Amino acid sequence: MNRPGRDVPRTGQRFTVRRRLPDGGVGDVIGVLIFHDDQQLVLTDRRGRNHTIARADVIASRRVPDRPGGTR
């Protein structure tokens, strides 16, 4: 999420994040970024569940438009 030449992500923005899973597969999370630091990021999905993702597990990410009617 913080690649050179890209804008720094801000809390409150909506993202999709592709990450490595413990079983070796990959998975996607779409949600609002509520926290991030050098080690991890936390997104809240549309059901209100928080997903904590280690930065080392992030394969790709991008900002996505807010959901119609709001961010959630």
PDB file of N, CA and C in Angstrom:
ATOM      1  N   MET A   1       0.808  -1.184   0.000  1.00  0.00           N
ATOM      2  CA  MET A   1       0.000   0.000   0.000  1.00  0.00           C
ATOM      3  C   MET A   1       0.853   1.249   0.000  1.00  0.00           C
ATOM      4  N   ASN A   2       2.021   1.299   0.168  1.00  0.00           N
ATOM      5  CA  ASN A   2       2.765   2.540   0.259  1.00  0.00           C
ATOM      6  C   ASN A   2       3.938   2.482  -0.693  1.00  0.00           C
ATOM      7  N   ARG A   3       3.670   2.334  -1.954  1.00  0.00           N
ATOM      8  CA  ARG A   3       4.722   2.176  -2.943  1.00  0.00           C
ATOM      9  C   ARG A   3       5.236   3.542  -3.390  1.00  0.00           C
ATOM     10  N   PRO A   4       6.514   3.617  -3.779  1.00  0.00           N
ATOM     11  CA  PRO A   4       7.057   4.891  -4.249  1.00  0.00           C
ATOM     12  C   PRO A   4       6.239   5.438  -5.418  1.00  0.00           C
ATOM     13  N   GLY A   5       6.039   6.744  -5.409  1.00  0.00           N
ATOM     14  CA  GLY A   5       5.296   7.375  -6.484  1.00  0.00           C
ATOM     15  C   GLY A   5       3.790   7.320  -6.330  1.00  0.00           C
ATOM     16  N   ARG A   6       3.322   6.730  -5.260  1.00  0.00           N
ATOM     17  CA  ARG A   6       1.875   6.636  -5.025  1.00  0.00           C
ATOM     18  C   ARG A   6       1.500   7.502  -3.832  1.00  0.00           C
ATOM     19  N   ASP A   7       0.244   7.887  -3.788  1.00  0.00           N
ATOM     20  CA  ASP A   7      -0.240   8.653  -2.646  1.00  0.00           C
ATOM     21  C   ASP A   7      -0.241   7.782  -1.399  1.00  0.00           C
ATOM     22  N   VAL A   8       0.003   8.411  -0.274  1.00  0.00           N
ATOM     23  CA  VAL A   8      -0.044   7.696   0.997  1.00  0.00           C
ATOM     24  C   VAL A   8      -1.515   7.426   1.323  1.00  0.00           C
ATOM     25  N   PRO A   9      -1.857   6.175   1.654  1.00  0.00           N
ATOM     26  CA  PRO A   9      -3.254   5.876   1.979  1.00  0.00           C
ATOM     27  C   PRO A   9      -3.688   6.614   3.243  1.00  0.00           C
ATOM     28  N   ARG A  10      -4.944   7.007   3.271  1.00  0.00           N
ATOM     29  CA  ARG A  10      -5.482   7.699   4.437  1.00  0.00           C
ATOM     30  C   ARG A  10      -6.617   6.891   5.032  1.00  0.00           C
ATOM     31  N   THR A  11      -6.716   6.942   6.355  1.00  0.00           N
ATOM     32  CA  THR A  11      -7.839   6.275   7.002  1.00  0.00           C
ATOM     33  C   THR A  11      -9.129   6.897   6.477  1.00  0.00           C
ATOM     34  N   GLY A  12     -10.145   6.074   6.399  1.00  0.00           N
ATOM     35  CA  GLY A  12     -11.430   6.510   5.876  1.00  0.00           C
ATOM     36  C   GLY A  12     -11.598   6.240   4.391  1.00  0.00           C
ATOM     37  N   GLN A  13     -10.501   5.921   3.699  1.00  0.00           N
ATOM     38  CA  GLN A  13     -10.594   5.591   2.279  1.00  0.00           C
ATOM     39  C   GLN A  13     -10.915   4.106   2.125  1.00  0.00           C
ATOM     40  N   ARG A  14     -11.563   3.759   1.026  1.00  0.00           N
ATOM     41  CA  ARG A  14     -11.945   2.369   0.755  1.00  0.00           C
ATOM     42  C   ARG A  14     -10.914   1.733  -0.169  1.00  0.00           C
ATOM     43  N   PHE A  15     -10.493   0.507   0.178  1.00  0.00           N
ATOM     44  CA  PHE A  15      -9.461  -0.207  -0.569  1.00  0.00           C
ATOM     45  C   PHE A  15      -9.870  -1.643  -0.823  1.00  0.00           C
ATOM     46  N   THR A  16      -9.270  -2.215  -1.844  1.00  0.00           N
ATOM     47  CA  THR A  16      -9.264  -3.655  -2.010  1.00  0.00           C
ATOM     48  C   THR A  16      -7.813  -4.091  -1.827  1.00  0.00           C
ATOM     49  N   VAL A  17      -7.615  -5.142  -1.044  1.00  0.00           N
ATOM     50  CA  VAL A  17      -6.270  -5.625  -0.733  1.00  0.00           C
ATOM     51  C   VAL A  17      -6.199  -7.117  -1.034  1.00  0.00           C
ATOM     52  N   ARG A  18      -5.254  -7.515  -1.851  1.00  0.00           N
ATOM     53  CA  ARG A  18      -4.979  -8.936  -2.100  1.00  0.00           C
ATOM     54  C   ARG A  18      -3.828  -9.318  -1.182  1.00  0.00           C
ATOM     55  N   ARG A  19      -4.021 -10.424  -0.436  1.00  0.00           N
ATOM     56  CA  ARG A  19      -3.011 -10.822   0.553  1.00  0.00           C
ATOM     57  C   ARG A  19      -2.750 -12.315   0.492  1.00  0.00           C
ATOM     58  N   ARG A  20      -1.586 -12.694   0.989  1.00  0.00           N
ATOM     59  CA  ARG A  20      -1.252 -14.115   1.132  1.00  0.00           C
ATOM     60  C   ARG A  20      -1.975 -14.660   2.356  1.00  0.00           C
ATOM     61  N   LEU A  21      -2.507 -15.870   2.231  1.00  0.00           N
ATOM     62  CA  LEU A  21      -3.177 -16.536   3.342  1.00  0.00           C
ATOM     63  C   LEU A  21      -2.232 -17.550   3.977  1.00  0.00           C
ATOM     64  N   PRO A  22      -2.474 -17.929   5.236  1.00  0.00           N
ATOM     65  CA  PRO A  22      -1.590 -18.888   5.912  1.00  0.00           C
ATOM     66  C   PRO A  22      -1.448 -20.228   5.187  1.00  0.00           C
ATOM     67  N   ASP A  23      -2.489 -20.643   4.438  1.00  0.00           N
ATOM     68  CA  ASP A  23      -2.422 -21.933   3.738  1.00  0.00           C
ATOM     69  C   ASP A  23      -1.673 -21.849   2.409  1.00  0.00           C
ATOM     70  N   GLY A  24      -1.143 -20.662   2.085  1.00  0.00           N
ATOM     71  CA  GLY A  24      -0.399 -20.482   0.845  1.00  0.00           C
ATOM     72  C   GLY A  24      -1.217 -19.889  -0.284  1.00  0.00           C
ATOM     73  N   GLY A  25      -2.523 -19.819  -0.097  1.00  0.00           N
ATOM     74  CA  GLY A  25      -3.386 -19.223  -1.114  1.00  0.00           C
ATOM     75  C   GLY A  25      -3.386 -17.706  -1.019  1.00  0.00           C
ATOM     76  N   VAL A  26      -4.286 -17.104  -1.759  1.00  0.00           N
ATOM     77  CA  VAL A  26      -4.455 -15.651  -1.699  1.00  0.00           C
ATOM     78  C   VAL A  26      -5.923 -15.338  -1.453  1.00  0.00           C
ATOM     79  N   GLY A  27      -6.169 -14.177  -0.894  1.00  0.00           N
ATOM     80  CA  GLY A  27      -7.535 -13.736  -0.644  1.00  0.00           C
ATOM     81  C   GLY A  27      -7.630 -12.233  -0.767  1.00  0.00           C
ATOM     82  N   ASP A  28      -8.828 -11.759  -1.016  1.00  0.00           N
ATOM     83  CA  ASP A  28      -9.074 -10.330  -1.166  1.00  0.00           C
ATOM     84  C   ASP A  28      -9.957  -9.830  -0.031  1.00  0.00           C
ATOM     85  N   VAL A  29      -9.683  -8.612   0.396  1.00  0.00           N
ATOM     86  CA  VAL A  29     -10.523  -7.920   1.366  1.00  0.00           C
ATOM     87  C   VAL A  29     -10.857  -6.564   0.766  1.00  0.00           C
ATOM     88  N   ILE A  30     -12.129  -6.201   0.820  1.00  0.00           N
ATOM     89  CA  ILE A  30     -12.555  -4.867   0.413  1.00  0.00           C
ATOM     90  C   ILE A  30     -13.126  -4.202   1.651  1.00  0.00           C
ATOM     91  N   GLY A  31     -12.616  -3.022   1.965  1.00  0.00           N
ATOM     92  CA  GLY A  31     -13.122  -2.334   3.135  1.00  0.00           C
ATOM     93  C   GLY A  31     -12.525  -0.959   3.313  1.00  0.00           C
ATOM     94  N   VAL A  32     -12.981  -0.306   4.358  1.00  0.00           N
ATOM     95  CA  VAL A  32     -12.515   1.029   4.703  1.00  0.00           C
ATOM     96  C   VAL A  32     -11.290   0.895   5.601  1.00  0.00           C
ATOM     97  N   LEU A  33     -10.234   1.600   5.245  1.00  0.00           N
ATOM     98  CA  LEU A  33      -9.001   1.582   6.026  1.00  0.00           C
ATOM     99  C   LEU A  33      -9.224   2.350   7.323  1.00  0.00           C
ATOM    100  N   ILE A  34      -9.067   1.663   8.462  1.00  0.00           N
ATOM    101  CA  ILE A  34      -9.271   2.335   9.744  1.00  0.00           C
ATOM    102  C   ILE A  34      -7.976   2.523  10.519  1.00  0.00           C
ATOM    103  N   PHE A  35      -6.903   1.813  10.115  1.00  0.00           N
ATOM    104  CA  PHE A  35      -5.610   1.956  10.786  1.00  0.00           C
ATOM    105  C   PHE A  35      -4.532   1.423   9.868  1.00  0.00           C
ATOM    106  N   HIS A  36      -3.354   2.058   9.910  1.00  0.00           N
ATOM    107  CA  HIS A  36      -2.189   1.502   9.220  1.00  0.00           C
ATOM    108  C   HIS A  36      -0.923   2.059   9.841  1.00  0.00           C
ATOM    109  N   ASP A  37       0.096   1.200   9.871  1.00  0.00           N
ATOM    110  CA  ASP A  37       1.434   1.608  10.288  1.00  0.00           C
ATOM    111  C   ASP A  37       2.428   0.808   9.458  1.00  0.00           C
ATOM    112  N   ASP A  38       3.692   0.788   9.861  1.00  0.00           N
ATOM    113  CA  ASP A  38       4.716   0.092   9.080  1.00  0.00           C
ATOM    114  C   ASP A  38       4.554  -1.425   9.078  1.00  0.00           C
ATOM    115  N   GLN A  39       3.819  -1.970  10.036  1.00  0.00           N
ATOM    116  CA  GLN A  39       3.706  -3.418  10.186  1.00  0.00           C
ATOM    117  C   GLN A  39       2.391  -4.007   9.693  1.00  0.00           C
ATOM    118  N   GLN A  40       1.312  -3.252   9.797  1.00  0.00           N
ATOM    119  CA  GLN A  40       0.002  -3.821   9.494  1.00  0.00           C
ATOM    120  C   GLN A  40      -0.985  -2.756   9.043  1.00  0.00           C
ATOM    121  N   LEU A  41      -2.109  -3.232   8.538  1.00  0.00           N
ATOM    122  CA  LEU A  41      -3.223  -2.351   8.235  1.00  0.00           C
ATOM    123  C   LEU A  41      -4.498  -3.064   8.652  1.00  0.00           C
ATOM    124  N   VAL A  42      -5.508  -2.274   8.947  1.00  0.00           N
ATOM    125  CA  VAL A  42      -6.793  -2.819   9.380  1.00  0.00           C
ATOM    126  C   VAL A  42      -7.884  -2.195   8.516  1.00  0.00           C
ATOM    127  N   LEU A  43      -8.697  -3.065   7.915  1.00  0.00           N
ATOM    128  CA  LEU A  43      -9.839  -2.623   7.115  1.00  0.00           C
ATOM    129  C   LEU A  43     -11.115  -3.153   7.754  1.00  0.00           C
ATOM    130  N   THR A  44     -12.180  -2.363   7.668  1.00  0.00           N
ATOM    131  CA  THR A  44     -13.498  -2.802   8.109  1.00  0.00           C
ATOM    132  C   THR A  44     -14.343  -3.075   6.874  1.00  0.00           C
ATOM    133  N   ASP A  45     -14.859  -4.310   6.771  1.00  0.00           N
ATOM    134  CA  ASP A  45     -15.663  -4.660   5.596  1.00  0.00           C
ATOM    135  C   ASP A  45     -17.105  -4.172   5.762  1.00  0.00           C
ATOM    136  N   ARG A  46     -17.936  -4.422   4.767  1.00  0.00           N
ATOM    137  CA  ARG A  46     -19.305  -3.901   4.779  1.00  0.00           C
ATOM    138  C   ARG A  46     -20.173  -4.510   5.868  1.00  0.00           C
ATOM    139  N   ARG A  47     -19.748  -5.627   6.423  1.00  0.00           N
ATOM    140  CA  ARG A  47     -20.495  -6.256   7.520  1.00  0.00           C
ATOM    141  C   ARG A  47     -20.013  -5.788   8.889  1.00  0.00           C
ATOM    142  N   GLY A  48     -19.016  -4.893   8.893  1.00  0.00           N
ATOM    143  CA  GLY A  48     -18.500  -4.363  10.151  1.00  0.00           C
ATOM    144  C   GLY A  48     -17.382  -5.178  10.764  1.00  0.00           C
ATOM    145  N   ARG A  49     -16.902  -6.202  10.054  1.00  0.00           N
ATOM    146  CA  ARG A  49     -15.805  -7.031  10.564  1.00  0.00           C
ATOM    147  C   ARG A  49     -14.471  -6.368  10.253  1.00  0.00           C
ATOM    148  N   ASN A  50     -13.580  -6.387  11.239  1.00  0.00           N
ATOM    149  CA  ASN A  50     -12.233  -5.860  11.039  1.00  0.00           C
ATOM    150  C   ASN A  50     -11.312  -6.957  10.534  1.00  0.00           C
ATOM    151  N   HIS A  51     -10.463  -6.607   9.575  1.00  0.00           N
ATOM    152  CA  HIS A  51      -9.473  -7.521   9.010  1.00  0.00           C
ATOM    153  C   HIS A  51      -8.099  -6.898   9.221  1.00  0.00           C
ATOM    154  N   THR A  52      -7.278  -7.533  10.052  1.00  0.00           N
ATOM    155  CA  THR A  52      -5.914  -7.067  10.281  1.00  0.00           C
ATOM    156  C   THR A  52      -4.999  -7.824   9.338  1.00  0.00           C
ATOM    157  N   ILE A  53      -4.228  -7.090   8.550  1.00  0.00           N
ATOM    158  CA  ILE A  53      -3.374  -7.684   7.522  1.00  0.00           C
ATOM    159  C   ILE A  53      -1.946  -7.206   7.728  1.00  0.00           C
ATOM    160  N   ALA A  54      -1.023  -8.156   7.843  1.00  0.00           N
ATOM    161  CA  ALA A  54       0.395  -7.796   7.944  1.00  0.00           C
ATOM    162  C   ALA A  54       0.852  -7.222   6.610  1.00  0.00           C
ATOM    163  N   ARG A  55       1.605  -6.148   6.643  1.00  0.00           N
ATOM    164  CA  ARG A  55       2.092  -5.536   5.393  1.00  0.00           C
ATOM    165  C   ARG A  55       2.896  -6.530   4.565  1.00  0.00           C
ATOM    166  N   ALA A  56       3.623  -7.426   5.234  1.00  0.00           N
ATOM    167  CA  ALA A  56       4.431  -8.418   4.516  1.00  0.00           C
ATOM    168  C   ALA A  56       3.561  -9.367   3.692  1.00  0.00           C
ATOM    169  N   ASP A  57       2.282  -9.498   4.042  1.00  0.00           N
ATOM    170  CA  ASP A  57       1.369 -10.390   3.325  1.00  0.00           C
ATOM    171  C   ASP A  57       0.631  -9.713   2.171  1.00  0.00           C
ATOM    172  N   VAL A  58       0.753  -8.394   2.046  1.00  0.00           N
ATOM    173  CA  VAL A  58       0.049  -7.662   0.988  1.00  0.00           C
ATOM    174  C   VAL A  58       0.735  -7.913  -0.351  1.00  0.00           C
ATOM    175  N   ILE A  59      -0.031  -8.410  -1.304  1.00  0.00           N
ATOM    176  CA  ILE A  59       0.469  -8.651  -2.657  1.00  0.00           C
ATOM    177  C   ILE A  59       0.173  -7.442  -3.538  1.00  0.00           C
ATOM    178  N   ALA A  60      -1.040  -6.907  -3.426  1.00  0.00           N
ATOM    179  CA  ALA A  60      -1.445  -5.749  -4.224  1.00  0.00           C
ATOM    180  C   ALA A  60      -2.580  -5.037  -3.500  1.00  0.00           C
ATOM    181  N   SER A  61      -2.730  -3.763  -3.793  1.00  0.00           N
ATOM    182  CA  SER A  61      -3.841  -3.001  -3.233  1.00  0.00           C
ATOM    183  C   SER A  61      -4.153  -1.833  -4.149  1.00  0.00           C
ATOM    184  N   ARG A  62      -5.383  -1.354  -4.023  1.00  0.00           N
ATOM    185  CA  ARG A  62      -5.748  -0.141  -4.745  1.00  0.00           C
ATOM    186  C   ARG A  62      -6.956   0.494  -4.080  1.00  0.00           C
ATOM    187  N   ARG A  63      -7.031   1.788  -4.220  1.00  0.00           N
ATOM    188  CA  ARG A  63      -8.176   2.512  -3.696  1.00  0.00           C
ATOM    189  C   ARG A  63      -9.354   2.264  -4.623  1.00  0.00           C
ATOM    190  N   VAL A  64     -10.527   2.076  -4.032  1.00  0.00           N
ATOM    191  CA  VAL A  64     -11.740   1.856  -4.816  1.00  0.00           C
ATOM    192  C   VAL A  64     -12.780   2.900  -4.417  1.00  0.00           C
ATOM    193  N   PRO A  65     -13.740   3.170  -5.296  1.00  0.00           N
ATOM    194  CA  PRO A  65     -14.764   4.173  -4.979  1.00  0.00           C
ATOM    195  C   PRO A  65     -15.590   3.759  -3.763  1.00  0.00           C
ATOM    196  N   ASP A  66     -16.108   4.760  -3.078  1.00  0.00           N
ATOM    197  CA  ASP A  66     -17.001   4.493  -1.957  1.00  0.00           C
ATOM    198  C   ASP A  66     -18.250   3.780  -2.454  1.00  0.00           C
ATOM    199  N   ARG A  67     -18.855   3.009  -1.555  1.00  0.00           N
ATOM    200  CA  ARG A  67     -20.107   2.333  -1.895  1.00  0.00           C
ATOM    201  C   ARG A  67     -21.202   3.374  -2.085  1.00  0.00           C
ATOM    202  N   PRO A  68     -22.154   3.121  -2.966  1.00  0.00           N
ATOM    203  CA  PRO A  68     -23.274   4.058  -3.115  1.00  0.00           C
ATOM    204  C   PRO A  68     -23.976   4.260  -1.775  1.00  0.00           C
ATOM    205  N   GLY A  69     -24.245   5.478  -1.433  1.00  0.00           N
ATOM    206  CA  GLY A  69     -24.916   5.759  -0.170  1.00  0.00           C
ATOM    207  C   GLY A  69     -23.973   5.872   1.006  1.00  0.00           C
ATOM    208  N   GLY A  70     -22.671   5.855   0.782  1.00  0.00           N
ATOM    209  CA  GLY A  70     -21.715   5.987   1.882  1.00  0.00           C
ATOM    210  C   GLY A  70     -20.573   5.023   1.743  1.00  0.00           C
ATOM    211  N   THR A  71     -19.684   5.012   2.744  1.00  0.00           N
ATOM    212  CA  THR A  71     -18.491   4.177   2.676  1.00  0.00           C
ATOM    213  C   THR A  71     -18.733   2.769   3.170  1.00  0.00           C
ATOM    214  N   ARG A  72     -19.866   2.501   3.805  1.00  0.00           N
ATOM    215  CA  ARG A  72     -20.085   1.161   4.343  1.00  0.00           C
ATOM    216  C   ARG A  72     -21.260   0.485   3.730  1.00  0.00           C
TER     217      ARG A  72
END
